[in-house]
Amino acid sequence: MLEGMYKTDLNIIEAESGTVLHALKKTDPGFQEFGEVYFSIVVKDAVKAWKMHQRMTLNLIVPVGSVLFCFIDVRDKSSTLNETCKIILSQEPYFRLTVPPGVWFGFKGVSDGLNLICN
């Protein structure tokens, strides 16, 4: 992974009335401050790219489907400058990917049906 990126394993709690998928709480690593939460849907084989946040830390979770993310580090002072990273987010394994500001990224839907990204 690129400098400043990290994975945080998340819990899935099975219940008869429906499954609960943990996302983020203020005591978790990667929580900076609350800015916004949004969801993005990407259909299979559709690509949404390129995006880069200059000040916002991303906390990416894919609770439904599978999404391939591609990253490139363009931060001048980073030890991974110009390096790339590819990673698939899904429920198996279920984790949150924290991405620092200044990293370009794009993503592609991998699964048939709904591929849902929470950021």
PDB file of N, CA and C in Angstrom:
ATOM      1  N   MET A   1       0.832  -1.181   0.000  1.00  0.00           N
ATOM      2  CA  MET A   1       0.000   0.000   0.000  1.00  0.00           C
ATOM      3  C   MET A   1       0.878   1.247   0.000  1.00  0.00           C
ATOM      4  N   LEU A   2       0.239   2.370  -0.244  1.00  0.00           N
ATOM      5  CA  LEU A   2       0.959   3.631  -0.297  1.00  0.00           C
ATOM      6  C   LEU A   2       1.134   4.211   1.107  1.00  0.00           C
ATOM      7  N   GLU A   3       2.128   5.084   1.256  1.00  0.00           N
ATOM      8  CA  GLU A   3       2.390   5.704   2.544  1.00  0.00           C
ATOM      9  C   GLU A   3       1.121   6.378   3.077  1.00  0.00           C
ATOM     10  N   GLY A   4       0.792   6.107   4.340  1.00  0.00           N
ATOM     11  CA  GLY A   4      -0.370   6.715   4.971  1.00  0.00           C
ATOM     12  C   GLY A   4      -1.677   5.964   4.771  1.00  0.00           C
ATOM     13  N   MET A   5      -1.679   4.947   3.901  1.00  0.00           N
ATOM     14  CA  MET A   5      -2.882   4.128   3.709  1.00  0.00           C
ATOM     15  C   MET A   5      -2.847   2.971   4.697  1.00  0.00           C
ATOM     16  N   TYR A   6      -4.009   2.593   5.215  1.00  0.00           N
ATOM     17  CA  TYR A   6      -4.053   1.399   6.044  1.00  0.00           C
ATOM     18  C   TYR A   6      -5.447   0.790   6.059  1.00  0.00           C
ATOM     19  N   LYS A   7      -5.458  -0.500   6.376  1.00  0.00           N
ATOM     20  CA  LYS A   7      -6.685  -1.272   6.443  1.00  0.00           C
ATOM     21  C   LYS A   7      -7.069  -1.467   7.904  1.00  0.00           C
ATOM     22  N   THR A   8      -8.370  -1.371   8.165  1.00  0.00           N
ATOM     23  CA  THR A   8      -8.903  -1.639   9.493  1.00  0.00           C
ATOM     24  C   THR A   8      -9.976  -2.707   9.346  1.00  0.00           C
ATOM     25  N   ASP A   9      -9.766  -3.867   9.955  1.00  0.00           N
ATOM     26  CA  ASP A   9     -10.770  -4.929   9.911  1.00  0.00           C
ATOM     27  C   ASP A   9     -12.041  -4.448  10.586  1.00  0.00           C
ATOM     28  N   LEU A  10     -13.183  -4.805  10.005  1.00  0.00           N
ATOM     29  CA  LEU A  10     -14.478  -4.409  10.538  1.00  0.00           C
ATOM     30  C   LEU A  10     -15.300  -5.636  10.906  1.00  0.00           C
ATOM     31  N   ASN A  11     -16.233  -5.453  11.812  1.00  0.00           N
ATOM     32  CA  ASN A  11     -17.087  -6.541  12.265  1.00  0.00           C
ATOM     33  C   ASN A  11     -18.383  -6.610  11.475  1.00  0.00           C
ATOM     34  N   ILE A  12     -18.810  -7.842  11.227  1.00  0.00           N
ATOM     35  CA  ILE A  12     -20.125  -8.121  10.686  1.00  0.00           C
ATOM     36  C   ILE A  12     -20.857  -8.908  11.759  1.00  0.00           C
ATOM     37  N   ILE A  13     -21.988  -8.382  12.188  1.00  0.00           N
ATOM     38  CA  ILE A  13     -22.756  -9.013  13.257  1.00  0.00           C
ATOM     39  C   ILE A  13     -24.022  -9.603  12.650  1.00  0.00           C
ATOM     40  N   GLU A  14     -24.068 -10.932  12.645  1.00  0.00           N
ATOM     41  CA  GLU A  14     -25.231 -11.634  12.102  1.00  0.00           C
ATOM     42  C   GLU A  14     -26.336 -11.642  13.142  1.00  0.00           C
ATOM     43  N   ALA A  15     -27.565 -11.389  12.692  1.00  0.00           N
ATOM     44  CA  ALA A  15     -28.723 -11.428  13.580  1.00  0.00           C
ATOM     45  C   ALA A  15     -29.919 -11.957  12.794  1.00  0.00           C
ATOM     46  N   GLU A  16     -30.831 -12.595  13.490  1.00  0.00           N
ATOM     47  CA  GLU A  16     -32.017 -13.138  12.828  1.00  0.00           C
ATOM     48  C   GLU A  16     -32.814 -12.056  12.104  1.00  0.00           C
ATOM     49  N   SER A  17     -32.869 -10.882  12.682  1.00  0.00           N
ATOM     50  CA  SER A  17     -33.661  -9.801  12.094  1.00  0.00           C
ATOM     51  C   SER A  17     -32.916  -9.041  11.000  1.00  0.00           C
ATOM     52  N   GLY A  18     -31.629  -9.325  10.813  1.00  0.00           N
ATOM     53  CA  GLY A  18     -30.829  -8.669   9.779  1.00  0.00           C
ATOM     54  C   GLY A  18     -29.413  -8.416  10.245  1.00  0.00           C
ATOM     55  N   THR A  19     -28.505  -8.394   9.315  1.00  0.00           N
ATOM     56  CA  THR A  19     -27.076  -8.244   9.589  1.00  0.00           C
ATOM     57  C   THR A  19     -26.713  -6.785   9.855  1.00  0.00           C
ATOM     58  N   VAL A  20     -25.771  -6.569  10.768  1.00  0.00           N
ATOM     59  CA  VAL A  20     -25.238  -5.241  11.059  1.00  0.00           C
ATOM     60  C   VAL A  20     -23.785  -5.226  10.603  1.00  0.00           C
ATOM     61  N   LEU A  21     -23.436  -4.233   9.789  1.00  0.00           N
ATOM     62  CA  LEU A  21     -22.070  -4.076   9.290  1.00  0.00           C
ATOM     63  C   LEU A  21     -21.464  -2.818   9.908  1.00  0.00           C
ATOM     64  N   HIS A  22     -20.422  -3.002  10.714  1.00  0.00           N
ATOM     65  CA  HIS A  22     -19.766  -1.861  11.357  1.00  0.00           C
ATOM     66  C   HIS A  22     -19.078  -1.009  10.297  1.00  0.00           C
ATOM     67  N   ALA A  23     -18.971   0.304  10.534  1.00  0.00           N
ATOM     68  CA  ALA A  23     -18.307   1.196   9.584  1.00  0.00           C
ATOM     69  C   ALA A  23     -17.225   2.026  10.274  1.00  0.00           C
ATOM     70  N   LEU A  24     -17.607   2.969  11.133  1.00  0.00           N
ATOM     71  CA  LEU A  24     -16.634   3.893  11.707  1.00  0.00           C
ATOM     72  C   LEU A  24     -17.209   4.537  12.960  1.00  0.00           C
ATOM     73  N   LYS A  25     -16.374   4.631  13.979  1.00  0.00           N
ATOM     74  CA  LYS A  25     -16.735   5.410  15.163  1.00  0.00           C
ATOM     75  C   LYS A  25     -15.583   6.367  15.464  1.00  0.00           C
ATOM     76  N   LYS A  26     -15.866   7.384  16.237  1.00  0.00           N
ATOM     77  CA  LYS A  26     -14.883   8.450  16.431  1.00  0.00           C
ATOM     78  C   LYS A  26     -13.616   7.991  17.131  1.00  0.00           C
ATOM     79  N   THR A  27     -13.627   6.837  17.791  1.00  0.00           N
ATOM     80  CA  THR A  27     -12.426   6.338  18.463  1.00  0.00           C
ATOM     81  C   THR A  27     -11.579   5.442  17.555  1.00  0.00           C
ATOM     82  N   ASP A  28     -12.024   5.212  16.328  1.00  0.00           N
ATOM     83  CA  ASP A  28     -11.297   4.345  15.390  1.00  0.00           C
ATOM     84  C   ASP A  28     -10.099   5.046  14.767  1.00  0.00           C
ATOM     85  N   PRO A  29      -9.047   4.272  14.472  1.00  0.00           N
ATOM     86  CA  PRO A  29      -7.958   4.833  13.658  1.00  0.00           C
ATOM     87  C   PRO A  29      -8.532   5.268  12.314  1.00  0.00           C
ATOM     88  N   GLY A  30      -8.069   6.363  11.792  1.00  0.00           N
ATOM     89  CA  GLY A  30      -8.566   6.848  10.503  1.00  0.00           C
ATOM     90  C   GLY A  30      -9.627   7.918  10.647  1.00  0.00           C
ATOM     91  N   PHE A  31     -10.250   7.992  11.836  1.00  0.00           N
ATOM     92  CA  PHE A  31     -11.234   9.043  12.051  1.00  0.00           C
ATOM     93  C   PHE A  31     -10.497  10.340  12.316  1.00  0.00           C
ATOM     94  N   GLN A  32     -10.690  11.327  11.453  1.00  0.00           N
ATOM     95  CA  GLN A  32     -10.050  12.629  11.608  1.00  0.00           C
ATOM     96  C   GLN A  32     -11.027  13.617  12.228  1.00  0.00           C
ATOM     97  N   GLU A  33     -12.110  13.802  11.571  1.00  0.00           N
ATOM     98  CA  GLU A  33     -13.215  14.641  11.998  1.00  0.00           C
ATOM     99  C   GLU A  33     -14.360  14.318  11.058  1.00  0.00           C
ATOM    100  N   PHE A  34     -15.540  14.725  11.404  1.00  0.00           N
ATOM    101  CA  PHE A  34     -16.662  14.439  10.528  1.00  0.00           C
ATOM    102  C   PHE A  34     -16.799  15.549   9.505  1.00  0.00           C
ATOM    103  N   GLY A  35     -16.801  15.192   8.248  1.00  0.00           N
ATOM    104  CA  GLY A  35     -17.025  16.139   7.161  1.00  0.00           C
ATOM    105  C   GLY A  35     -18.301  15.772   6.440  1.00  0.00           C
ATOM    106  N   GLU A  36     -18.284  14.591   5.827  1.00  0.00           N
ATOM    107  CA  GLU A  36     -19.465  14.095   5.133  1.00  0.00           C
ATOM    108  C   GLU A  36     -19.340  12.595   4.943  1.00  0.00           C
ATOM    109  N   VAL A  37     -20.466  11.959   4.749  1.00  0.00           N
ATOM    110  CA  VAL A  37     -20.524  10.554   4.375  1.00  0.00           C
ATOM    111  C   VAL A  37     -21.367  10.491   3.114  1.00  0.00           C
ATOM    112  N   TYR A  38     -20.865   9.782   2.124  1.00  0.00           N
ATOM    113  CA  TYR A  38     -21.682   9.598   0.932  1.00  0.00           C
ATOM    114  C   TYR A  38     -21.540   8.185   0.429  1.00  0.00           C
ATOM    115  N   PHE A  39     -22.522   7.784  -0.386  1.00  0.00           N
ATOM    116  CA  PHE A  39     -22.542   6.463  -0.987  1.00  0.00           C
ATOM    117  C   PHE A  39     -22.469   6.630  -2.490  1.00  0.00           C
ATOM    118  N   SER A  40     -21.760   5.722  -3.118  1.00  0.00           N
ATOM    119  CA  SER A  40     -21.651   5.720  -4.571  1.00  0.00           C
ATOM    120  C   SER A  40     -21.944   4.308  -5.066  1.00  0.00           C
ATOM    121  N   ILE A  41     -22.747   4.208  -6.096  1.00  0.00           N
ATOM    122  CA  ILE A  41     -23.061   2.920  -6.713  1.00  0.00           C
ATOM    123  C   ILE A  41     -22.302   2.845  -8.031  1.00  0.00           C
ATOM    124  N   VAL A  42     -21.692   1.713  -8.268  1.00  0.00           N
ATOM    125  CA  VAL A  42     -20.987   1.506  -9.530  1.00  0.00           C
ATOM    126  C   VAL A  42     -21.399   0.132 -10.076  1.00  0.00           C
ATOM    127  N   VAL A  43     -21.864   0.109 -11.323  1.00  0.00           N
ATOM    128  CA  VAL A  43     -22.302  -1.147 -11.927  1.00  0.00           C
ATOM    129  C   VAL A  43     -21.091  -1.954 -12.378  1.00  0.00           C
ATOM    130  N   LYS A  44     -21.302  -3.230 -12.597  1.00  0.00           N
ATOM    131  CA  LYS A  44     -20.203  -4.110 -12.991  1.00  0.00           C
ATOM    132  C   LYS A  44     -19.514  -3.581 -14.243  1.00  0.00           C
ATOM    133  N   ASP A  45     -18.194  -3.573 -14.193  1.00  0.00           N
ATOM    134  CA  ASP A  45     -17.303  -3.149 -15.272  1.00  0.00           C
ATOM    135  C   ASP A  45     -17.320  -1.651 -15.568  1.00  0.00           C
ATOM    136  N   ALA A  46     -18.157  -0.875 -14.856  1.00  0.00           N
ATOM    137  CA  ALA A  46     -18.132   0.580 -15.023  1.00  0.00           C
ATOM    138  C   ALA A  46     -16.952   1.139 -14.242  1.00  0.00           C
ATOM    139  N   VAL A  47     -16.294   2.134 -14.818  1.00  0.00           N
ATOM    140  CA  VAL A  47     -15.138   2.766 -14.190  1.00  0.00           C
ATOM    141  C   VAL A  47     -15.486   4.217 -13.872  1.00  0.00           C
ATOM    142  N   LYS A  48     -15.173   4.624 -12.652  1.00  0.00           N
ATOM    143  CA  LYS A  48     -15.301   6.021 -12.245  1.00  0.00           C
ATOM    144  C   LYS A  48     -13.908   6.477 -11.813  1.00  0.00           C
ATOM    145  N   ALA A  49     -13.314   7.375 -12.578  1.00  0.00           N
ATOM    146  CA  ALA A  49     -11.951   7.810 -12.289  1.00  0.00           C
ATOM    147  C   ALA A  49     -11.726   9.151 -12.990  1.00  0.00           C
ATOM    148  N   TRP A  50     -10.773   9.843 -12.673  1.00  0.00           N
ATOM    149  CA  TRP A  50      -9.856   9.904 -11.567  1.00  0.00           C
ATOM    150  C   TRP A  50     -10.318  10.980 -10.625  1.00  0.00           C
ATOM    151  N   LYS A  51     -10.100  10.734  -9.336  1.00  0.00           N
ATOM    152  CA  LYS A  51     -10.525  11.657  -8.293  1.00  0.00           C
ATOM    153  C   LYS A  51      -9.373  11.814  -7.297  1.00  0.00           C
ATOM    154  N   MET A  52      -9.292  13.013  -6.707  1.00  0.00           N
ATOM    155  CA  MET A  52      -8.276  13.247  -5.682  1.00  0.00           C
ATOM    156  C   MET A  52      -8.786  14.327  -4.742  1.00  0.00           C
ATOM    157  N   HIS A  53      -8.705  14.043  -3.448  1.00  0.00           N
ATOM    158  CA  HIS A  53      -9.075  15.026  -2.437  1.00  0.00           C
ATOM    159  C   HIS A  53      -7.795  15.643  -1.886  1.00  0.00           C
ATOM    160  N   GLN A  54      -7.736  16.969  -1.875  1.00  0.00           N
ATOM    161  CA  GLN A  54      -6.525  17.646  -1.429  1.00  0.00           C
ATOM    162  C   GLN A  54      -6.432  17.769   0.087  1.00  0.00           C
ATOM    163  N   ARG A  55      -7.596  17.801   0.781  1.00  0.00           N
ATOM    164  CA  ARG A  55      -7.570  17.981   2.234  1.00  0.00           C
ATOM    165  C   ARG A  55      -8.299  16.871   2.987  1.00  0.00           C
ATOM    166  N   MET A  56      -9.143  16.118   2.312  1.00  0.00           N
ATOM    167  CA  MET A  56      -9.995  15.140   2.990  1.00  0.00           C
ATOM    168  C   MET A  56      -9.358  13.756   3.040  1.00  0.00           C
ATOM    169  N   THR A  57      -9.382  13.146   4.230  1.00  0.00           N
ATOM    170  CA  THR A  57      -8.983  11.754   4.399  1.00  0.00           C
ATOM    171  C   THR A  57     -10.181  10.892   4.031  1.00  0.00           C
ATOM    172  N   LEU A  58      -9.966   9.880   3.194  1.00  0.00           N
ATOM    173  CA  LEU A  58     -11.042   8.975   2.789  1.00  0.00           C
ATOM    174  C   LEU A  58     -11.074   7.770   3.713  1.00  0.00           C
ATOM    175  N   ASN A  59     -12.259   7.306   4.014  1.00  0.00           N
ATOM    176  CA  ASN A  59     -12.464   6.050   4.720  1.00  0.00           C
ATOM    177  C   ASN A  59     -13.437   5.253   3.867  1.00  0.00           C
ATOM    178  N   LEU A  60     -12.908   4.347   3.052  1.00  0.00           N
ATOM    179  CA  LEU A  60     -13.693   3.616   2.055  1.00  0.00           C
ATOM    180  C   LEU A  60     -14.127   2.261   2.584  1.00  0.00           C
ATOM    181  N   ILE A  61     -15.407   1.956   2.394  1.00  0.00           N
ATOM    182  CA  ILE A  61     -15.981   0.675   2.793  1.00  0.00           C
ATOM    183  C   ILE A  61     -16.903   0.224   1.672  1.00  0.00           C
ATOM    184  N   VAL A  62     -16.888  -1.068   1.367  1.00  0.00           N
ATOM    185  CA  VAL A  62     -17.822  -1.639   0.393  1.00  0.00           C
ATOM    186  C   VAL A  62     -18.651  -2.695   1.122  1.00  0.00           C
ATOM    187  N   PRO A  63     -19.854  -2.296   1.606  1.00  0.00           N
ATOM    188  CA  PRO A  63     -20.694  -3.237   2.341  1.00  0.00           C
ATOM    189  C   PRO A  63     -21.491  -4.182   1.450  1.00  0.00           C
ATOM    190  N   VAL A  64     -21.620  -3.834   0.160  1.00  0.00           N
ATOM    191  CA  VAL A  64     -22.389  -4.658  -0.784  1.00  0.00           C
ATOM    192  C   VAL A  64     -21.610  -4.749  -2.095  1.00  0.00           C
ATOM    193  N   GLY A  65     -21.412  -5.969  -2.583  1.00  0.00           N
ATOM    194  CA  GLY A  65     -20.704  -6.166  -3.844  1.00  0.00           C
ATOM    195  C   GLY A  65     -19.199  -6.164  -3.669  1.00  0.00           C
ATOM    196  N   SER A  66     -18.497  -5.918  -4.770  1.00  0.00           N
ATOM    197  CA  SER A  66     -17.031  -5.857  -4.778  1.00  0.00           C
ATOM    198  C   SER A  66     -16.605  -4.742  -5.715  1.00  0.00           C
ATOM    199  N   VAL A  67     -15.624  -3.965  -5.269  1.00  0.00           N
ATOM    200  CA  VAL A  67     -15.143  -2.840  -6.066  1.00  0.00           C
ATOM    201  C   VAL A  67     -13.613  -2.859  -6.077  1.00  0.00           C
ATOM    202  N   LEU A  68     -13.043  -2.750  -7.279  1.00  0.00           N
ATOM    203  CA  LEU A  68     -11.599  -2.648  -7.451  1.00  0.00           C
ATOM    204  C   LEU A  68     -11.210  -1.174  -7.406  1.00  0.00           C
ATOM    205  N   PHE A  69     -10.308  -0.826  -6.496  1.00  0.00           N
ATOM    206  CA  PHE A  69      -9.794   0.537  -6.390  1.00  0.00           C
ATOM    207  C   PHE A  69      -8.355   0.561  -6.886  1.00  0.00           C
ATOM    208  N   CYS A  70      -8.017   1.621  -7.609  1.00  0.00           N
ATOM    209  CA  CYS A  70      -6.644   1.848  -8.066  1.00  0.00           C
ATOM    210  C   CYS A  70      -6.206   3.218  -7.559  1.00  0.00           C
ATOM    211  N   PHE A  71      -4.995   3.270  -7.016  1.00  0.00           N
ATOM    212  CA  PHE A  71      -4.475   4.503  -6.416  1.00  0.00           C
ATOM    213  C   PHE A  71      -3.109   4.828  -7.014  1.00  0.00           C
ATOM    214  N   ILE A  72      -2.795   6.132  -7.094  1.00  0.00           N
ATOM    215  CA  ILE A  72      -1.450   6.578  -7.447  1.00  0.00           C
ATOM    216  C   ILE A  72      -1.084   7.743  -6.529  1.00  0.00           C
ATOM    217  N   ASP A  73       0.108   7.655  -5.975  1.00  0.00           N
ATOM    218  CA  ASP A  73       0.593   8.643  -5.017  1.00  0.00           C
ATOM    219  C   ASP A  73       1.317   9.765  -5.758  1.00  0.00           C
ATOM    220  N   VAL A  74       0.817  10.991  -5.649  1.00  0.00           N
ATOM    221  CA  VAL A  74       1.452  12.140  -6.294  1.00  0.00           C
ATOM    222  C   VAL A  74       1.936  13.172  -5.272  1.00  0.00           C
ATOM    223  N   ARG A  75       2.054  12.747  -4.012  1.00  0.00           N
ATOM    224  CA  ARG A  75       2.499  13.658  -2.952  1.00  0.00           C
ATOM    225  C   ARG A  75       4.019  13.797  -3.002  1.00  0.00           C
ATOM    226  N   ASP A  76       4.486  15.021  -3.193  1.00  0.00           N
ATOM    227  CA  ASP A  76       5.923  15.286  -3.351  1.00  0.00           C
ATOM    228  C   ASP A  76       6.793  14.734  -2.232  1.00  0.00           C
ATOM    229  N   LYS A  77       6.315  14.785  -1.003  1.00  0.00           N
ATOM    230  CA  LYS A  77       7.138  14.387   0.142  1.00  0.00           C
ATOM    231  C   LYS A  77       6.868  12.958   0.598  1.00  0.00           C
ATOM    232  N   SER A  78       6.154  12.180  -0.200  1.00  0.00           N
ATOM    233  CA  SER A  78       5.806  10.813   0.180  1.00  0.00           C
ATOM    234  C   SER A  78       6.917   9.837  -0.207  1.00  0.00           C
ATOM    235  N   SER A  79       7.132   8.847   0.633  1.00  0.00           N
ATOM    236  CA  SER A  79       8.129   7.811   0.326  1.00  0.00           C
ATOM    237  C   SER A  79       7.649   6.891  -0.803  1.00  0.00           C
ATOM    238  N   THR A  80       6.349   6.960  -1.138  1.00  0.00           N
ATOM    239  CA  THR A  80       5.804   6.129  -2.216  1.00  0.00           C
ATOM    240  C   THR A  80       5.385   6.990  -3.419  1.00  0.00           C
ATOM    241  N   LEU A  81       6.033   8.149  -3.594  1.00  0.00           N
ATOM    242  CA  LEU A  81       5.743   9.046  -4.708  1.00  0.00           C
ATOM    243  C   LEU A  81       5.769   8.283  -6.035  1.00  0.00           C
ATOM    244  N   ASN A  82       4.724   8.461  -6.832  1.00  0.00           N
ATOM    245  CA  ASN A  82       4.545   7.850  -8.168  1.00  0.00           C
ATOM    246  C   ASN A  82       4.285   6.350  -8.135  1.00  0.00           C
ATOM    247  N   GLU A  83       4.156   5.758  -6.955  1.00  0.00           N
ATOM    248  CA  GLU A  83       3.810   4.339  -6.882  1.00  0.00           C
ATOM    249  C   GLU A  83       2.303   4.167  -6.994  1.00  0.00           C
ATOM    250  N   THR A  84       1.896   2.969  -7.438  1.00  0.00           N
ATOM    251  CA  THR A  84       0.479   2.651  -7.575  1.00  0.00           C
ATOM    252  C   THR A  84       0.118   1.490  -6.659  1.00  0.00           C
ATOM    253  N   CYS A  85      -1.174   1.360  -6.412  1.00  0.00           N
ATOM    254  CA  CYS A  85      -1.687   0.304  -5.548  1.00  0.00           C
ATOM    255  C   CYS A  85      -3.078  -0.061  -6.043  1.00  0.00           C
ATOM    256  N   LYS A  86      -3.364  -1.359  -6.116  1.00  0.00           N
ATOM    257  CA  LYS A  86      -4.703  -1.845  -6.467  1.00  0.00           C
ATOM    258  C   LYS A  86      -5.195  -2.728  -5.338  1.00  0.00           C
ATOM    259  N   ILE A  87      -6.493  -2.593  -5.000  1.00  0.00           N
ATOM    260  CA  ILE A  87      -7.060  -3.384  -3.917  1.00  0.00           C
ATOM    261  C   ILE A  87      -8.569  -3.531  -4.139  1.00  0.00           C
ATOM    262  N   ILE A  88      -9.090  -4.700  -3.831  1.00  0.00           N
ATOM    263  CA  ILE A  88     -10.531  -4.945  -3.929  1.00  0.00           C
ATOM    264  C   ILE A  88     -11.138  -4.850  -2.538  1.00  0.00           C
ATOM    265  N   LEU A  89     -12.210  -4.077  -2.423  1.00  0.00           N
ATOM    266  CA  LEU A  89     -12.971  -3.978  -1.185  1.00  0.00           C
ATOM    267  C   LEU A  89     -14.290  -4.712  -1.365  1.00  0.00           C
ATOM    268  N   SER A  90     -14.693  -5.449  -0.337  1.00  0.00           N
ATOM    269  CA  SER A  90     -15.945  -6.211  -0.346  1.00  0.00           C
ATOM    270  C   SER A  90     -16.263  -6.609   1.092  1.00  0.00           C
ATOM    271  N   GLN A  91     -17.203  -7.550   1.254  1.00  0.00           N
ATOM    272  CA  GLN A  91     -17.491  -8.065   2.597  1.00  0.00           C
ATOM    273  C   GLN A  91     -16.536  -9.179   2.993  1.00  0.00           C
ATOM    274  N   GLU A  92     -15.790  -9.714   2.042  1.00  0.00           N
ATOM    275  CA  GLU A  92     -14.896 -10.837   2.356  1.00  0.00           C
ATOM    276  C   GLU A  92     -13.520 -10.587   1.760  1.00  0.00           C
ATOM    277  N   PRO A  93     -12.568 -10.141   2.520  1.00  0.00           N
ATOM    278  CA  PRO A  93     -12.691  -9.741   3.923  1.00  0.00           C
ATOM    279  C   PRO A  93     -13.310  -8.344   4.012  1.00  0.00           C
ATOM    280  N   TYR A  94     -13.975  -8.083   5.112  1.00  0.00           N
ATOM    281  CA  TYR A  94     -14.657  -6.811   5.329  1.00  0.00           C
ATOM    282  C   TYR A  94     -13.725  -5.886   6.113  1.00  0.00           C
ATOM    283  N   PHE A  95     -13.344  -4.767   5.500  1.00  0.00           N
ATOM    284  CA  PHE A  95     -12.451  -3.815   6.153  1.00  0.00           C
ATOM    285  C   PHE A  95     -12.690  -2.420   5.603  1.00  0.00           C
ATOM    286  N   ARG A  96     -12.157  -1.451   6.320  1.00  0.00           N
ATOM    287  CA  ARG A  96     -12.194  -0.055   5.897  1.00  0.00           C
ATOM    288  C   ARG A  96     -10.795   0.300   5.417  1.00  0.00           C
ATOM    289  N   LEU A  97     -10.713   0.997   4.297  1.00  0.00           N
ATOM    290  CA  LEU A  97      -9.435   1.453   3.773  1.00  0.00           C
ATOM    291  C   LEU A  97      -9.350   2.960   3.972  1.00  0.00           C
ATOM    292  N   THR A  98      -8.347   3.381   4.733  1.00  0.00           N
ATOM    293  CA  THR A  98      -8.124   4.806   4.978  1.00  0.00           C
ATOM    294  C   THR A  98      -7.069   5.302   3.992  1.00  0.00           C
ATOM    295  N   VAL A  99      -7.402   6.399   3.306  1.00  0.00           N
ATOM    296  CA  VAL A  99      -6.536   6.951   2.266  1.00  0.00           C
ATOM    297  C   VAL A  99      -6.281   8.421   2.587  1.00  0.00           C
ATOM    298  N   PRO A 100      -5.012   8.817   2.693  1.00  0.00           N
ATOM    299  CA  PRO A 100      -4.703  10.212   3.021  1.00  0.00           C
ATOM    300  C   PRO A 100      -4.974  11.142   1.832  1.00  0.00           C
ATOM    301  N   PRO A 101      -5.061  12.438   2.098  1.00  0.00           N
ATOM    302  CA  PRO A 101      -5.227  13.409   1.009  1.00  0.00           C
ATOM    303  C   PRO A 101      -4.044  13.360   0.045  1.00  0.00           C
ATOM    304  N   GLY A 102      -4.288  13.765  -1.203  1.00  0.00           N
ATOM    305  CA  GLY A 102      -3.217  13.872  -2.188  1.00  0.00           C
ATOM    306  C   GLY A 102      -2.964  12.619  -2.997  1.00  0.00           C
ATOM    307  N   VAL A 103      -3.843  11.631  -2.883  1.00  0.00           N
ATOM    308  CA  VAL A 103      -3.690  10.383  -3.623  1.00  0.00           C
ATOM    309  C   VAL A 103      -4.814  10.305  -4.666  1.00  0.00           C
ATOM    310  N   TRP A 104      -4.438  10.168  -5.932  1.00  0.00           N
ATOM    311  CA  TRP A 104      -5.436   9.997  -6.992  1.00  0.00           C
ATOM    312  C   TRP A 104      -5.997   8.583  -6.923  1.00  0.00           C
ATOM    313  N   PHE A 105      -7.308   8.447  -7.256  1.00  0.00           N
ATOM    314  CA  PHE A 105      -7.900   7.116  -7.250  1.00  0.00           C
ATOM    315  C   PHE A 105      -9.035   7.018  -8.256  1.00  0.00           C
ATOM    316  N   GLY A 106      -9.313   5.798  -8.629  1.00  0.00           N
ATOM    317  CA  GLY A 106     -10.458   5.467  -9.461  1.00  0.00           C
ATOM    318  C   GLY A 106     -10.954   4.107  -9.021  1.00  0.00           C
ATOM    319  N   PHE A 107     -12.145   3.738  -9.467  1.00  0.00           N
ATOM    320  CA  PHE A 107     -12.675   2.446  -9.057  1.00  0.00           C
ATOM    321  C   PHE A 107     -13.556   1.849 -10.144  1.00  0.00           C
ATOM    322  N   LYS A 108     -13.741   0.531 -10.038  1.00  0.00           N
ATOM    323  CA  LYS A 108     -14.486  -0.230 -11.031  1.00  0.00           C
ATOM    324  C   LYS A 108     -15.352  -1.263 -10.313  1.00  0.00           C
ATOM    325  N   GLY A 109     -16.609  -1.385 -10.728  1.00  0.00           N
ATOM    326  CA  GLY A 109     -17.484  -2.405 -10.179  1.00  0.00           C
ATOM    327  C   GLY A 109     -17.031  -3.777 -10.619  1.00  0.00           C
ATOM    328  N   VAL A 110     -16.980  -4.715  -9.697  1.00  0.00           N
ATOM    329  CA  VAL A 110     -16.495  -6.064  -9.986  1.00  0.00           C
ATOM    330  C   VAL A 110     -17.637  -7.077  -9.982  1.00  0.00           C
ATOM    331  N   SER A 111     -18.589  -6.937  -9.069  1.00  0.00           N
ATOM    332  CA  SER A 111     -19.652  -7.923  -8.919  1.00  0.00           C
ATOM    333  C   SER A 111     -20.861  -7.611  -9.810  1.00  0.00           C
ATOM    334  N   ASP A 112     -21.587  -8.676 -10.162  1.00  0.00           N
ATOM    335  CA  ASP A 112     -22.899  -8.490 -10.777  1.00  0.00           C
ATOM    336  C   ASP A 112     -23.818  -7.873  -9.734  1.00  0.00           C
ATOM    337  N   GLY A 113     -24.787  -7.125 -10.166  1.00  0.00           N
ATOM    338  CA  GLY A 113     -25.716  -6.521  -9.212  1.00  0.00           C
ATOM    339  C   GLY A 113     -25.146  -5.257  -8.611  1.00  0.00           C
ATOM    340  N   LEU A 114     -25.573  -4.980  -7.392  1.00  0.00           N
ATOM    341  CA  LEU A 114     -25.211  -3.729  -6.710  1.00  0.00           C
ATOM    342  C   LEU A 114     -23.795  -3.784  -6.155  1.00  0.00           C
ATOM    343  N   ASN A 115     -23.017  -2.757  -6.439  1.00  0.00           N
ATOM    344  CA  ASN A 115     -21.708  -2.533  -5.832  1.00  0.00           C
ATOM    345  C   ASN A 115     -21.799  -1.172  -5.151  1.00  0.00           C
ATOM    346  N   LEU A 116     -21.763  -1.166  -3.827  1.00  0.00           N
ATOM    347  CA  LEU A 116     -22.027   0.039  -3.059  1.00  0.00           C
ATOM    348  C   LEU A 116     -20.784   0.457  -2.274  1.00  0.00           C
ATOM    349  N   ILE A 117     -20.368   1.702  -2.471  1.00  0.00           N
ATOM    350  CA  ILE A 117     -19.219   2.257  -1.766  1.00  0.00           C
ATOM    351  C   ILE A 117     -19.721   3.268  -0.746  1.00  0.00           C
ATOM    352  N   CYS A 118     -19.214   3.153   0.469  1.00  0.00           N
ATOM    353  CA  CYS A 118     -19.459   4.158   1.502  1.00  0.00           C
ATOM    354  C   CYS A 118     -18.143   4.888   1.724  1.00  0.00           C
ATOM    355  N   ASN A 119     -18.207   6.229   1.661  1.00  0.00           N
ATOM    356  CA  ASN A 119     -17.031   7.042   1.936  1.00  0.00           C
ATOM    357  C   ASN A 119     -17.424   8.091   2.953  1.00  0.00           C
TER     358      ASN A 119
END
